[in-house]
C-alpha atoms as a PDB file:
ATOM      1  CA  MET A   1     108.746 112.766  61.715  1.00  0.00           C
ATOM      2  CA  VAL A   2     108.850 110.270  64.501  1.00  0.00           C
ATOM      3  CA  PHE A   3     111.764 107.978  64.371  1.00  0.00           C
ATOM      4  CA  TYR A   4     110.376 104.462  64.898  1.00  0.00           C
ATOM      5  CA  THR A   5     112.394 101.401  65.616  1.00  0.00           C
ATOM      6  CA  THR A   6     111.035  98.102  66.558  1.00  0.00           C
ATOM      7  CA  VAL A   7     111.761  94.342  66.946  1.00  0.00           C
ATOM      8  CA  ARG A   8     108.883  93.521  65.091  1.00  0.00           C
ATOM      9  CA  PRO A   9     108.014  94.541  61.439  1.00  0.00           C
ATOM     10  CA  VAL A  10     105.582  97.476  61.350  1.00  0.00           C
ATOM     11  CA  LEU A  11     103.114  96.064  58.826  1.00  0.00           C
ATOM     12  CA  GLY A  12     101.356  93.239  60.648  1.00  0.00           C
ATOM     13  CA  ASP A  13     103.767  90.394  60.355  1.00  0.00           C
ATOM     14  CA  ARG A  14     103.822  88.883  63.741  1.00  0.00           C
ATOM     15  CA  GLN A  15     107.143  87.012  63.474  1.00  0.00           C
ATOM     16  CA  MET A  16     109.879  88.324  65.743  1.00  0.00           C
ATOM     17  CA  MET A  17     113.053  90.009  64.514  1.00  0.00           C
ATOM     18  CA  LYS A  18     115.583  87.436  63.634  1.00  0.00           C
ATOM     19  CA  ILE A  19     119.163  87.596  64.467  1.00  0.00           C
ATOM     20  CA  ARG A  20     120.368  84.959  62.129  1.00  0.00           C
ATOM     21  CA  HIS A  21     124.012  84.904  62.589  1.00  0.00           C
ATOM     22  CA  PRO A  22     125.085  85.062  66.168  1.00  0.00           C
ATOM     23  CA  THR A  23     128.693  85.245  65.075  1.00  0.00           C
ATOM     24  CA  SER A  24     128.405  88.440  63.154  1.00  0.00           C
ATOM     25  CA  PRO A  25     130.980  91.218  63.764  1.00  0.00           C
ATOM     26  CA  PHE A  26     128.866  92.793  66.551  1.00  0.00           C
ATOM     27  CA  GLY A  27     128.410  89.331  68.427  1.00  0.00           C
ATOM     28  CA  TRP A  28     124.819  88.741  69.471  1.00  0.00           C
ATOM     29  CA  ARG A  29     125.457  90.666  72.932  1.00  0.00           C
ATOM     30  CA  ALA A  30     126.448  93.812  70.852  1.00  0.00           C
ATOM     31  CA  TRP A  31     123.501  93.506  68.702  1.00  0.00           C
ATOM     32  CA  LEU A  32     121.118  93.288  71.563  1.00  0.00           C
ATOM     33  CA  ALA A  33     122.694  96.351  73.076  1.00  0.00           C
ATOM     34  CA  LEU A  34     122.425  98.018  69.763  1.00  0.00           C
ATOM     35  CA  LEU A  35     118.682  97.546  69.381  1.00  0.00           C
ATOM     36  CA  GLY A  36     118.247  98.946  72.883  1.00  0.00           C
ATOM     37  CA  LEU A  37     120.343 101.858  72.255  1.00  0.00           C
ATOM     38  CA  VAL A  38     118.582 102.767  68.832  1.00  0.00           C
ATOM     39  CA  ALA A  39     115.495 103.798  70.779  1.00  0.00           C
ATOM     40  CA  VAL A  40     117.426 106.535  72.330  1.00  0.00           C
ATOM     41  CA  LEU A  41     119.071 107.858  69.319  1.00  0.00           C
ATOM     42  CA  GLY A  42     116.170 110.076  68.586  1.00  0.00           C
ATOM     43  CA  PRO A  43     115.357 111.863  65.543  1.00  0.00           C
ATOM     44  CA  ALA A  44     117.788 111.996  62.669  1.00  0.00           C
ATOM     45  CA  PRO A  45     119.756 115.253  63.187  1.00  0.00           C
ATOM     46  CA  ARG A  46     119.457 118.229  60.929  1.00  0.00           C
ATOM     47  CA  THR A  47     121.383 118.034  57.897  1.00  0.00           C
ATOM     48  CA  ARG A  48     122.131 120.657  55.010  1.00  0.00           C
ATOM     49  CA  ALA A  49     119.357 118.792  52.848  1.00  0.00           C
ATOM     50  CA  ASP A  50     116.991 118.178  55.927  1.00  0.00           C
ATOM     51  CA  GLN A  51     115.961 121.431  56.842  1.00  0.00           C
ATOM     52  CA  ARG A  52     112.826 121.195  59.185  1.00  0.00           C
ATOM     53  CA  LEU A  53     111.214 124.376  58.083  1.00  0.00           C
ATOM     54  CA  ASP A  54     107.677 125.062  59.734  1.00  0.00           C
ATOM     55  CA  LEU A  55     105.812 124.488  56.132  1.00  0.00           C
ATOM     56  CA  TYR A  56     102.209 124.540  57.844  1.00  0.00           C
ATOM     57  CA  GLN A  57     102.867 127.842  59.673  1.00  0.00           C
ATOM     58  CA  VAL A  58     102.218 131.196  57.711  1.00  0.00           C
ATOM     59  CA  ALA A  59     101.964 134.735  58.364  1.00  0.00           C
ATOM     60  CA  ILE A  60      99.241 136.590  56.484  1.00  0.00           C
ATOM     61  CA  PRO A  61      98.550 140.462  56.161  1.00  0.00           C
ATOM     62  CA  VAL A  62      94.874 141.019  57.176  1.00  0.00           C
ATOM     63  CA  PRO A  63      93.087 144.398  57.126  1.00  0.00           C
ATOM     64  CA  ASP A  64      91.676 144.068  60.636  1.00  0.00           C
ATOM     65  CA  ARG A  65      90.567 141.270  63.256  1.00  0.00           C
ATOM     66  CA  SER A  66      87.032 140.538  62.071  1.00  0.00           C
ATOM     67  CA  ASP A  67      85.891 137.171  61.404  1.00  0.00           C
ATOM     68  CA  ALA A  68      85.437 137.863  57.773  1.00  0.00           C
ATOM     69  CA  SER A  69      89.148 139.089  57.457  1.00  0.00           C
ATOM     70  CA  ARG A  70      90.198 136.004  59.552  1.00  0.00           C
ATOM     71  CA  ASP A  71      88.400 133.387  57.278  1.00  0.00           C
ATOM     72  CA  THR A  72      89.826 135.040  54.310  1.00  0.00           C
ATOM     73  CA  GLY A  73      93.436 134.937  55.948  1.00  0.00           C
ATOM     74  CA  PHE A  74      92.883 131.078  56.512  1.00  0.00           C
ATOM     75  CA  ARG A  75      92.206 130.693  52.952  1.00  0.00           C
ATOM     76  CA  ASP A  76      95.185 132.732  51.878  1.00  0.00           C
ATOM     77  CA  ALA A  77      97.504 130.895  54.387  1.00  0.00           C
ATOM     78  CA  MET A  78      96.234 127.423  52.904  1.00  0.00           C
ATOM     79  CA  ARG A  79      97.101 128.696  49.432  1.00  0.00           C
ATOM     80  CA  VAL A  80     100.758 129.483  50.643  1.00  0.00           C
ATOM     81  CA  VAL A  81     100.957 125.955  52.131  1.00  0.00           C
ATOM     82  CA  LEU A  82      99.810 124.405  48.977  1.00  0.00           C
ATOM     83  CA  VAL A  83     102.662 126.031  47.065  1.00  0.00           C
ATOM     84  CA  ARG A  84     105.133 125.055  49.920  1.00  0.00           C
ATOM     85  CA  VAL A  85     104.003 121.552  50.111  1.00  0.00           C
ATOM     86  CA  THR A  86     103.361 120.500  46.450  1.00  0.00           C
ATOM     87  CA  GLY A  87     106.269 122.572  45.194  1.00  0.00           C
ATOM     88  CA  ARG A  88     104.238 124.016  42.618  1.00  0.00           C
ATOM     89  CA  LEU A  89     103.851 127.864  42.274  1.00  0.00           C
ATOM     90  CA  GLY A  90     100.689 127.502  40.282  1.00  0.00           C
ATOM     91  CA  ALA A  91      98.918 125.169  43.215  1.00  0.00           C
ATOM     92  CA  ALA A  92      97.686 128.367  44.891  1.00  0.00           C
ATOM     93  CA  SER A  93      95.281 128.932  42.030  1.00  0.00           C
ATOM     94  CA  ASP A  94      94.763 125.417  40.918  1.00  0.00           C
ATOM     95  CA  PRO A  95      90.998 124.343  40.900  1.00  0.00           C
ATOM     96  CA  THR A  96      92.022 121.022  42.003  1.00  0.00           C
ATOM     97  CA  PHE A  97      92.556 122.359  45.334  1.00  0.00           C
ATOM     98  CA  ALA A  98      89.691 124.630  45.596  1.00  0.00           C
ATOM     99  CA  PRO A  99      87.691 122.327  48.124  1.00  0.00           C
ATOM    100  CA  LEU A 100      90.759 122.410  50.316  1.00  0.00           C
ATOM    101  CA  VAL A 101      91.096 126.095  50.041  1.00  0.00           C
ATOM    102  CA  GLY A 102      87.683 126.773  50.683  1.00  0.00           C
ATOM    103  CA  SER A 103      87.714 124.449  53.994  1.00  0.00           C
ATOM    104  CA  ALA A 104      90.895 125.929  55.391  1.00  0.00           C
ATOM    105  CA  GLY A 105      89.453 126.793  58.644  1.00  0.00           C
ATOM    106  CA  ARG A 106      88.755 123.003  59.274  1.00  0.00           C
ATOM    107  CA  TYR A 107      92.547 122.519  59.139  1.00  0.00           C
ATOM    108  CA  VAL A 108      93.523 125.242  61.371  1.00  0.00           C
ATOM    109  CA  GLN A 109      95.215 124.140  64.564  1.00  0.00           C
ATOM    110  CA  GLN A 110      95.949 127.338  66.107  1.00  0.00           C
ATOM    111  CA  TYR A 111      96.215 131.263  65.041  1.00  0.00           C
ATOM    112  CA  ARG A 112      97.163 134.341  66.603  1.00  0.00           C
ATOM    113  CA  TYR A 113      98.008 138.117  65.449  1.00  0.00           C
ATOM    114  CA  ALA A 114     101.420 139.096  65.343  1.00  0.00           C
ATOM    115  CA  ILE A 115     102.679 142.318  66.650  1.00  0.00           C
ATOM    116  CA  ASP A 116     102.632 143.814  63.250  1.00  0.00           C
ATOM    117  CA  GLY A 117      99.099 142.711  62.740  1.00  0.00           C
ATOM    118  CA  ARG A 118      99.525 139.766  60.759  1.00  0.00           C
ATOM    119  CA  LEU A 119      97.577 136.636  61.092  1.00  0.00           C
ATOM    120  CA  VAL A 120      99.647 133.741  62.218  1.00  0.00           C
ATOM    121  CA  VAL A 121      98.123 130.348  61.241  1.00  0.00           C
ATOM    122  CA  GLY A 122      99.061 126.866  62.061  1.00  0.00           C
ATOM    123  CA  PHE A 123      97.582 124.001  60.059  1.00  0.00           C
ATOM    124  CA  ASP A 124      97.258 120.381  60.796  1.00  0.00           C
ATOM    125  CA  GLY A 125      99.961 119.131  58.215  1.00  0.00           C
ATOM    126  CA  GLY A 126      99.243 115.343  58.569  1.00  0.00           C
ATOM    127  CA  ALA A 127      95.547 116.052  57.666  1.00  0.00           C
ATOM    128  CA  ILE A 128      96.591 118.386  54.619  1.00  0.00           C
ATOM    129  CA  GLU A 129      98.858 115.505  53.527  1.00  0.00           C
ATOM    130  CA  ARG A 130      96.371 112.862  53.662  1.00  0.00           C
ATOM    131  CA  TRP A 131      93.844 115.161  51.477  1.00  0.00           C
ATOM    132  CA  LEU A 132      96.506 115.776  48.922  1.00  0.00           C
ATOM    133  CA  THR A 133      97.370 111.930  48.737  1.00  0.00           C
ATOM    134  CA  GLY A 134      93.905 111.498  47.915  1.00  0.00           C
ATOM    135  CA  VAL A 135      93.841 113.777  44.835  1.00  0.00           C
ATOM    136  CA  GLY A 136      97.053 112.360  43.666  1.00  0.00           C
ATOM    137  CA  ALA A 137      99.044 115.627  44.273  1.00  0.00           C
ATOM    138  CA  PRO A 138     102.794 115.529  44.829  1.00  0.00           C
ATOM    139  CA  ILE A 139     104.256 116.159  48.425  1.00  0.00           C
ATOM    140  CA  TRP A 140     107.276 117.715  49.107  1.00  0.00           C
ATOM    141  CA  GLY A 141     108.431 116.916  52.646  1.00  0.00           C
ATOM    142  CA  ARG A 142     110.784 118.142  54.876  1.00  0.00           C
ATOM    143  CA  THR A 143     113.988 117.835  52.534  1.00  0.00           C
ATOM    144  CA  ARG A 144     114.690 121.470  51.890  1.00  0.00           C
ATOM    145  CA  PRO A 145     118.277 122.137  50.851  1.00  0.00           C
ATOM    146  CA  ILE A 146     119.929 125.364  51.772  1.00  0.00           C
ATOM    147  CA  THR A 147     120.751 127.765  49.083  1.00  0.00           C
ATOM    148  CA  LEU A 148     123.501 130.288  49.543  1.00  0.00           C
ATOM    149  CA  VAL A 149     122.790 133.663  47.873  1.00  0.00           C
ATOM    150  CA  LEU A 150     125.514 135.647  46.183  1.00  0.00           C
ATOM    151  CA  LEU A 151     124.057 138.788  44.930  1.00  0.00           C
ATOM    152  CA  THR A 152     125.796 141.845  43.584  1.00  0.00           C
ATOM    153  CA  ALA A 153     123.895 145.356  43.686  1.00  0.00           C
ATOM    154  CA  PRO A 154     125.105 148.982  43.325  1.00  0.00           C
ATOM    155  CA  GLY A 155     126.973 150.125  46.633  1.00  0.00           C
ATOM    156  CA  ALA A 156     127.122 153.559  48.164  1.00  0.00           C
ATOM    157  CA  ALA A 157     129.920 154.551  45.818  1.00  0.00           C
ATOM    158  CA  ALA A 158     128.907 155.937  42.481  1.00  0.00           C
ATOM    159  CA  GLY A 159     129.252 153.160  39.817  1.00  0.00           C
ATOM    160  CA  ALA A 160     130.688 150.485  42.412  1.00  0.00           C
ATOM    161  CA  ALA A 161     128.720 147.191  43.233  1.00  0.00           C
ATOM    162  CA  ALA A 162     128.981 145.111  46.301  1.00  0.00           C
ATOM    163  CA  ILE A 163     127.956 141.587  47.256  1.00  0.00           C
ATOM    164  CA  VAL A 164     124.887 141.713  49.520  1.00  0.00           C
ATOM    165  CA  THR A 165     125.434 140.321  52.840  1.00  0.00           C
ATOM    166  CA  GLY A 166     122.864 139.229  55.473  1.00  0.00           C
ATOM    167  CA  ASP A 167     123.078 142.138  57.668  1.00  0.00           C
ATOM    168  CA  ALA A 168     122.454 144.649  54.901  1.00  0.00           C
ATOM    169  CA  PRO A 169     118.763 145.287  54.508  1.00  0.00           C
ATOM    170  CA  SER A 170     117.142 146.323  51.356  1.00  0.00           C
ATOM    171  CA  ASP A 171     113.834 146.171  49.458  1.00  0.00           C
ATOM    172  CA  LEU A 172     115.414 144.117  47.137  1.00  0.00           C
ATOM    173  CA  LYS A 173     116.496 141.464  49.782  1.00  0.00           C
ATOM    174  CA  SER A 174     113.302 141.754  51.559  1.00  0.00           C
ATOM    175  CA  ALA A 175     111.443 140.897  48.102  1.00  0.00           C
ATOM    176  CA  ILE A 176     113.852 137.885  47.723  1.00  0.00           C
ATOM    177  CA  ASP A 177     113.311 136.457  51.259  1.00  0.00           C
ATOM    178  CA  ALA A 178     109.471 136.888  50.694  1.00  0.00           C
ATOM    179  CA  GLN A 179     109.414 134.828  47.736  1.00  0.00           C
ATOM    180  CA  ALA A 180     111.724 132.188  49.635  1.00  0.00           C
ATOM    181  CA  ALA A 181     109.131 132.030  52.345  1.00  0.00           C
ATOM    182  CA  LEU A 182     106.386 131.640  49.883  1.00  0.00           C
ATOM    183  CA  ARG A 183     108.187 128.613  48.243  1.00  0.00           C
ATOM    184  CA  GLY A 184     109.221 126.980  51.557  1.00  0.00           C
ATOM    185  CA  ILE A 185     112.967 127.046  50.784  1.00  0.00           C
ATOM    186  CA  GLU A 186     115.912 128.472  52.953  1.00  0.00           C
ATOM    187  CA  LEU A 187     118.297 131.063  51.954  1.00  0.00           C
ATOM    188  CA  ARG A 188     121.492 131.747  53.470  1.00  0.00           C
ATOM    189  CA  TRP A 189     123.054 135.130  52.928  1.00  0.00           C
ATOM    190  CA  PRO A 190     126.863 135.454  53.363  1.00  0.00           C
ATOM    191  CA  THR A 191     128.700 137.542  56.079  1.00  0.00           C
ATOM    192  CA  ALA A 192     131.389 139.869  55.185  1.00  0.00           C
ATOM    193  CA  GLN A 193     133.931 137.397  56.929  1.00  0.00           C
ATOM    194  CA  GLN A 194     132.709 134.615  54.797  1.00  0.00           C
ATOM    195  CA  LEU A 195     133.165 136.704  51.704  1.00  0.00           C
ATOM    196  CA  GLN A 196     136.664 137.567  52.756  1.00  0.00           C
ATOM    197  CA  ALA A 197     137.638 134.168  53.408  1.00  0.00           C
ATOM    198  CA  ASP A 198     136.377 132.839  50.053  1.00  0.00           C
ATOM    199  CA  GLY A 199     138.386 135.815  48.387  1.00  0.00           C
ATOM    200  CA  LEU A 200     135.067 137.518  47.282  1.00  0.00           C
ATOM    201  CA  THR A 201     136.081 141.037  48.196  1.00  0.00           C
ATOM    202  CA  ASP A 202     134.075 142.963  45.594  1.00  0.00           C
ATOM    203  CA  ALA A 203     131.568 142.230  42.868  1.00  0.00           C
ATOM    204  CA  SER A 204     134.183 142.028  40.165  1.00  0.00           C
ATOM    205  CA  ALA A 205     135.739 138.837  42.118  1.00  0.00           C
ATOM    206  CA  LEU A 206     132.323 137.207  42.109  1.00  0.00           C
ATOM    207  CA  GLN A 207     131.775 137.899  38.315  1.00  0.00           C
ATOM    208  CA  THR A 208     135.029 136.122  37.457  1.00  0.00           C
ATOM    209  CA  THR A 209     134.940 133.261  39.680  1.00  0.00           C
ATOM    210  CA  ASP A 210     133.722 130.029  38.252  1.00  0.00           C
ATOM    211  CA  PRO A 211     130.342 129.176  39.488  1.00  0.00           C
ATOM    212  CA  ARG A 212     131.407 125.514  40.174  1.00  0.00           C
ATOM    213  CA  THR A 213     134.094 127.103  42.613  1.00  0.00           C
ATOM    214  CA  LEU A 214     131.507 128.952  44.116  1.00  0.00           C
ATOM    215  CA  LEU A 215     129.225 125.916  44.623  1.00  0.00           C
ATOM    216  CA  ALA A 216     132.077 124.079  46.155  1.00  0.00           C
ATOM    217  CA  ASP A 217     132.737 127.110  48.502  1.00  0.00           C
ATOM    218  CA  ALA A 218     129.120 127.114  49.445  1.00  0.00           C
ATOM    219  CA  THR A 219     128.987 123.414  50.046  1.00  0.00           C
ATOM    220  CA  ARG A 220     132.026 123.832  52.479  1.00  0.00           C
ATOM    221  CA  ALA A 221     129.992 126.583  54.223  1.00  0.00           C
ATOM    222  CA  GLY A 222     127.221 124.268  54.924  1.00  0.00           C
ATOM    223  CA  ALA A 223     124.873 124.962  52.078  1.00  0.00           C
ATOM    224  CA  ASP A 224     123.649 122.769  49.280  1.00  0.00           C
ATOM    225  CA  ALA A 225     123.256 124.944  46.476  1.00  0.00           C
ATOM    226  CA  VAL A 226     124.252 128.753  45.179  1.00  0.00           C
ATOM    227  CA  LEU A 227     122.227 131.240  43.716  1.00  0.00           C
ATOM    228  CA  ILE A 228     124.417 133.744  42.067  1.00  0.00           C
ATOM    229  CA  GLY A 229     122.654 137.291  40.987  1.00  0.00           C
ATOM    230  CA  HIS A 230     123.523 140.604  39.523  1.00  0.00           C
ATOM    231  CA  ALA A 231     120.973 143.412  40.289  1.00  0.00           C
ATOM    232  CA  THR A 232     120.730 146.981  38.701  1.00  0.00           C
ATOM    233  CA  ASP A 233     119.485 148.487  41.895  1.00  0.00           C
ATOM    234  CA  THR A 234     118.287 147.679  45.482  1.00  0.00           C
ATOM    235  CA  SER A 235     114.671 148.236  44.735  1.00  0.00           C
ATOM    236  CA  ALA A 236     111.975 145.394  44.958  1.00  0.00           C
ATOM    237  CA  ASN A 237     111.534 145.972  41.109  1.00  0.00           C
ATOM    238  CA  ALA A 238     115.162 145.710  40.239  1.00  0.00           C
ATOM    239  CA  ALA A 239     116.262 143.908  37.103  1.00  0.00           C
ATOM    240  CA  VAL A 240     118.154 140.827  38.260  1.00  0.00           C
ATOM    241  CA  GLN A 241     120.255 138.116  36.282  1.00  0.00           C
ATOM    242  CA  TRP A 242     120.467 134.922  38.277  1.00  0.00           C
ATOM    243  CA  LEU A 243     122.529 131.530  37.738  1.00  0.00           C
ATOM    244  CA  PHE A 244     121.538 128.685  39.971  1.00  0.00           C
ATOM    245  CA  GLU A 245     124.078 126.149  40.861  1.00  0.00           C
ATOM    246  CA  TYR A 246     122.856 122.809  42.276  1.00  0.00           C
ATOM    247  CA  GLN A 247     124.744 119.374  41.835  1.00  0.00           C
ATOM    248  CA  THR A 248     124.852 119.039  38.023  1.00  0.00           C
ATOM    249  CA  GLU A 249     122.375 121.721  37.533  1.00  0.00           C
ATOM    250  CA  ALA A 250     123.183 125.290  36.285  1.00  0.00           C
ATOM    251  CA  GLU A 251     120.098 127.240  35.375  1.00  0.00           C
ATOM    252  CA  PRO A 252     119.825 130.919  34.210  1.00  0.00           C
ATOM    253  CA  ALA A 253     116.679 133.050  35.268  1.00  0.00           C
ATOM    254  CA  THR A 254     115.631 136.769  35.025  1.00  0.00           C
ATOM    255  CA  GLY A 255     113.718 138.908  37.732  1.00  0.00           C
ATOM    256  CA  VAL A 256     113.860 139.187  41.304  1.00  0.00           C
ATOM    257  CA  ALA A 257     111.602 136.262  42.114  1.00  0.00           C
ATOM    258  CA  ALA A 258     112.969 134.047  39.471  1.00  0.00           C
ATOM    259  CA  GLY A 259     116.136 132.856  40.889  1.00  0.00           C
ATOM    260  CA  VAL A 260     114.108 131.563  43.971  1.00  0.00           C
ATOM    261  CA  ASP A 261     111.642 130.108  41.859  1.00  0.00           C
ATOM    262  CA  ARG A 262     114.333 128.196  39.782  1.00  0.00           C
ATOM    263  CA  ALA A 263     115.609 126.772  43.035  1.00  0.00           C
ATOM    264  CA  ALA A 264     112.309 125.671  44.318  1.00  0.00           C
ATOM    265  CA  ASP A 265     111.222 124.243  40.958  1.00  0.00           C
ATOM    266  CA  THR A 266     114.548 122.232  40.815  1.00  0.00           C
ATOM    267  CA  TYR A 267     114.209 121.123  44.308  1.00  0.00           C
ATOM    268  CA  ALA A 268     110.598 120.040  43.934  1.00  0.00           C
ATOM    269  CA  SER A 269     111.435 118.105  40.701  1.00  0.00           C
ATOM    270  CA  ILE A 270     113.726 116.037  42.750  1.00  0.00           C
ATOM    271  CA  TYR A 271     112.009 115.593  46.319  1.00  0.00           C
ATOM    272  CA  ALA A 272     108.165 116.117  45.458  1.00  0.00           C
ATOM    273  CA  VAL A 273     106.688 112.447  45.557  1.00  0.00           C
ATOM    274  CA  ASN A 274     103.393 111.460  44.160  1.00  0.00           C
ATOM    275  CA  GLY A 275     101.533 108.408  45.477  1.00  0.00           C
ATOM    276  CA  ALA A 276     100.340 106.369  48.556  1.00  0.00           C
ATOM    277  CA  THR A 277     102.666 105.091  51.294  1.00  0.00           C
ATOM    278  CA  VAL A 278     103.637 101.476  50.702  1.00  0.00           C
ATOM    279  CA  PRO A 279     106.029  98.979  52.302  1.00  0.00           C
ATOM    280  CA  VAL A 280     109.386  98.575  50.789  1.00  0.00           C
ATOM    281  CA  GLU A 281     111.761  96.365  51.972  1.00  0.00           C
ATOM    282  CA  VAL A 282     115.769  97.124  51.713  1.00  0.00           C
ATOM    283  CA  ALA A 283     118.810  95.038  52.422  1.00  0.00           C
ATOM    284  CA  VAL A 284     122.259  96.895  53.058  1.00  0.00           C
ATOM    285  CA  ASP A 285     125.544  94.944  53.212  1.00  0.00           C
ATOM    286  CA  GLY A 286     128.761  96.239  54.931  1.00  0.00           C
ATOM    287  CA  VAL A 287     127.084  97.353  58.154  1.00  0.00           C
ATOM    288  CA  ARG A 288     129.941  96.327  60.593  1.00  0.00           C
ATOM    289  CA  THR A 289     129.450  98.615  63.524  1.00  0.00           C
ATOM    290  CA  LEU A 290     127.138 100.544  65.778  1.00  0.00           C
ATOM    291  CA  ALA A 291     128.146 103.535  64.041  1.00  0.00           C
ATOM    292  CA  ASP A 292     127.420 102.061  60.556  1.00  0.00           C
ATOM    293  CA  TYR A 293     124.019 100.938  61.715  1.00  0.00           C
ATOM    294  CA  ALA A 294     123.063 104.138  63.155  1.00  0.00           C
ATOM    295  CA  ARG A 295     124.294 105.924  60.099  1.00  0.00           C
ATOM    296  CA  VAL A 296     122.021 103.943  57.859  1.00  0.00           C
ATOM    297  CA  GLN A 297     118.750 104.125  60.213  1.00  0.00           C
ATOM    298  CA  ARG A 298     119.113 107.978  60.223  1.00  0.00           C
ATOM    299  CA  LEU A 299     119.575 108.104  56.401  1.00  0.00           C
ATOM    300  CA  PHE A 300     116.410 106.339  56.082  1.00  0.00           C
ATOM    301  CA  ALA A 301     114.524 108.320  58.896  1.00  0.00           C
ATOM    302  CA  SER A 302     115.749 111.554  57.194  1.00  0.00           C
ATOM    303  CA  THR A 303     114.840 110.711  53.827  1.00  0.00           C
ATOM    304  CA  THR A 304     111.710 112.717  52.727  1.00  0.00           C
ATOM    305  CA  SER A 305     109.235 109.927  51.488  1.00  0.00           C
ATOM    306  CA  VAL A 306     109.960 107.543  54.281  1.00  0.00           C
ATOM    307  CA  SER A 307     107.432 107.820  57.151  1.00  0.00           C
ATOM    308  CA  ARG A 308     108.459 104.748  59.198  1.00  0.00           C
ATOM    309  CA  VAL A 309     111.588 102.556  59.832  1.00  0.00           C
ATOM    310  CA  ALA A 310     111.893  99.171  61.124  1.00  0.00           C
ATOM    311  CA  VAL A 311     114.475  96.410  61.410  1.00  0.00           C
ATOM    312  CA  LEU A 312     113.587  92.909  59.874  1.00  0.00           C
ATOM    313  CA  ALA A 313     116.614  90.870  60.530  1.00  0.00           C
ATOM    314  CA  VAL A 314     120.303  90.877  60.800  1.00  0.00           C
ATOM    315  CA  HIS A 315     122.818  88.372  58.986  1.00  0.00           C
ATOM    316  CA  ALA A 316     126.413  88.771  59.092  1.00  0.00           C
ATOM    317  CA  ASP A 317     127.154  92.342  57.953  1.00  0.00           C
ATOM    318  CA  THR A 318     123.680  92.555  56.339  1.00  0.00           C
ATOM    319  CA  VAL A 319     120.696  94.388  57.998  1.00  0.00           C
ATOM    320  CA  ARG A 320     117.426  94.170  56.435  1.00  0.00           C
ATOM    321  CA  TRP A 321     114.931  97.057  56.924  1.00  0.00           C
ATOM    322  CA  ARG A 322     111.250  97.440  56.081  1.00  0.00           C
ATOM    323  CA  LEU A 323     110.224 101.076  55.234  1.00  0.00           C
ATOM    324  CA  LEU A 324     106.926 102.867  54.630  1.00  0.00           C
ATOM    325  CA  VAL A 325     107.521 104.939  51.604  1.00  0.00           C
ATOM    326  CA  ARG A 326     105.350 107.450  49.814  1.00  0.00           C
ATOM    327  CA  GLY A 327     105.127 106.387  46.194  1.00  0.00           C
ATOM    328  CA  GLY A 328     107.141 103.159  46.609  1.00  0.00           C
ATOM    329  CA  ALA A 329     110.505 102.074  45.556  1.00  0.00           C
ATOM    330  CA  GLY A 330     111.015 104.205  42.541  1.00  0.00           C
ATOM    331  CA  PRO A 331     111.218 107.530  44.611  1.00  0.00           C
ATOM    332  CA  LEU A 332     113.186 105.880  47.273  1.00  0.00           C
ATOM    333  CA  VAL A 333     115.876 104.753  44.782  1.00  0.00           C
ATOM    334  CA  ARG A 334     116.213 108.352  43.485  1.00  0.00           C
ATOM    335  CA  LEU A 335     116.413 109.935  46.638  1.00  0.00           C
ATOM    336  CA  LEU A 336     119.015 107.401  48.153  1.00  0.00           C
ATOM    337  CA  SER A 337     121.075 108.005  44.983  1.00  0.00           C
ATOM    338  CA  LEU A 338     121.250 111.662  45.641  1.00  0.00           C
ATOM    339  CA  ASP A 339     122.566 111.299  49.079  1.00  0.00           C
ATOM    340  CA  GLY A 340     125.420 108.806  47.708  1.00  0.00           C
ATOM    341  CA  SER A 341     126.073 106.948  51.131  1.00  0.00           C
ATOM    342  CA  LEU A 342     124.583 103.498  49.538  1.00  0.00           C
ATOM    343  CA  GLN A 343     125.509 101.972  46.312  1.00  0.00           C
ATOM    344  CA  PRO A 344     123.593  99.424  44.691  1.00  0.00           C
ATOM    345  CA  ALA A 345     124.874  95.931  45.596  1.00  0.00           C
ATOM    346  CA  ALA A 346     126.442  93.797  42.915  1.00  0.00           C
ATOM    347  CA  GLN A 347     123.907  91.069  43.762  1.00  0.00           C
ATOM    348  CA  PRO A 348     120.213  92.088  43.490  1.00  0.00           C
ATOM    349  CA  GLY A 349     117.829  91.753  46.346  1.00  0.00           C
ATOM    350  CA  VAL A 350     115.648  88.608  46.877  1.00  0.00           C
ATOM    351  CA  GLY A 351     111.940  88.872  46.244  1.00  0.00           C
ATOM    352  CA  GLY A 352     111.845  92.489  44.884  1.00  0.00           C
ATOM    353  CA  GLU A 353     113.797  94.044  48.014  1.00  0.00           C
ATOM    354  CA  LEU A 354     116.202  96.662  47.373  1.00  0.00           C
ATOM    355  CA  ARG A 355     119.729  95.904  47.910  1.00  0.00           C
ATOM    356  CA  TYR A 356     122.569  98.391  48.643  1.00  0.00           C
ATOM    357  CA  ARG A 357     126.245  98.360  50.055  1.00  0.00           C
ATOM    358  CA  LEU A 358     127.252 100.928  52.778  1.00  0.00           C
ATOM    359  CA  ARG A 359     129.990 103.167  51.327  1.00  0.00           C
ATOM    360  CA  PRO A 360     133.140 103.475  53.753  1.00  0.00           C
END
């Protein structure tokens, strides 16, 4: 996403931005400097829940390099993109999207063949999102929480089980990673050092630890959620029991791919948004420093449904923004509540604007 900042409203209003209170805590000179600096602050940095996965690049197995195989590969790759971007596993076979799948070649920006023979396809994401918006489909943007996987499986010793680490390849781990790639979510596997630090020295320690404690450990390690599993073996067809912990969610699932699907479905229910892009005005109180301003600006810029951010006015410690938001105010309110940096202000906004106070 491009990080837009301007002293003019972005939606055709020719009124210049007004700094209405020259005795604000910044002082007018500081505000002018601030507005000049914002342009070089750049895109919002990657955060745990803002993983910029390349949703529109897909690697697909093909039997050969013929034109027919290539065109079939384009369509198969588009089906993967539809699953990732709508958040719906059934999107790959949904007849609603058949015209888009059938014309997949029109949306290809580049393609190549990998060393292993797979066809690597890069699509025009903007064009695909416009098509999906036109048919009223949900769009799950760049907000892709990181999921820590804590999975036990039989070890080398007879009857023993161990927690699978990132450097321990197996058919089971490969199958789980492949499902994550299909759904467009990022998994993080633990290292032996991380397990040791968290006191998870063996499978029994994992089984006796409260899942909420494991979620807290995962959060401290830079993840957003934890997927806890117990497998009967390390094959791609192993029986696996999962428990997914995210925020207030605790959901069981059964099957190799079921844990990943549970995580992806939960994320999509929160972050996938329907509807056209419309303007929403937001007032934020308690913006007293340059750091406060940058914090709010970057929060808006990293919110999955927001496509453009512009300042309208500054008055004392209140800054008013105009955002272009997919789906309007409703999805924006829901997503901002998940972050927790802004709390609804005691005094409602004027003329339908949203009003918040920045938490210290």
